[in-house]
Each structure stands twice: as C-alpha cells, then as structure tokens.
C-alpha cells in the first residue's frame, strides 16, 4: 500500500513540475511578445518615465500620502502593455485550468488556478477602466482599491471551488 501512495505522490509532483514549466515558459514568451508588440511605442523608455514620475500624493478626501505618478494620464503606453500582460496571463490560466480538469489535478491546485484567473482578468478590467489617457490621481488610487477588491474576489473564487469539491464528496 505504501508503494501505491509513493507512486501517486511521485506522479503528482511530476505533473506539477510540468505545469510549472509550462507556466514559466509561457510567462517569458508573453513578456517577449508584449515587448515586441510595444517596440514602436518604446516600452522601455515609457517604463523608465513612469518610475521617474513618482511622487507622494494625497489620497483625495484624506490626510494620507501614498506613492503616485505625478501625471498618471501620461503613461498610457505602459498601461496598455500591462493590460496585454494581464489578458495573456488570464488566457494562460484558462489553459492551465483546462489541463487541471483534464488530468484531474488536486482540487486545491484547481482552486488556486481559478482564483488566479479571476484576479488577472479582473485586473485587466481595472486597467482598461481606470488607467487610461484620462487617468487622474483619484483614478490612480481607485485602481489600487480595485486591486485589493480583486484579490478578495480571487480568494472567494478559490473558496467556491473548494466548497463545491467538499459538497461533491459529501
């Protein structure tokens, strides 16, 4: 019986290593594709300009100061690249979820992938909504509040998958 358990654990570890390799490879390919797509708009310079534009700004209607770009509206090239990255990672999560269902991955890994999918597509939505050429200091901070909400929603999505699995076992 111990041999069966060891074989199952060994197979699980090998399967997870394959998923990790697919994810890492797709991540680097995605970074390369986004860089090439945005080469005409000089993504590298846009990134440097973004970080050199940072200052501390007051969160509207509070006495709290947090880091923010001085001119959030002037970084549309970088925001566009981040949107493309989020969509790409979201598509990768869909592929990983299909693989996990197909090859019957453990439910905790499937739940993790579902949470990641919600987070990355939600973040893409927030970028498209708040980080546009009309972005202001207010929308910058609303975007970050939305990121925290997306993080919470991703935990809720994970919980639903785990709950559904628990209900199916009962």
Foldseek 3Di string as FASTA:
>chain_A
DVVVVVVVVVVLVVVVVVLVVVLVVLLVVLVVVLCVVLVVVPLVVLVVLQVVQWDWDAAPPDRDTDIDGPQLLVNQSNLVSLLSSLVSVLVSLVVVLVVCVVVVHDLLVNLLSQLSNQLSVQLSVLSVVARHSPHDSNSVVVSVVSSVVSNVVSVVSSVVSVVVVVVVVD
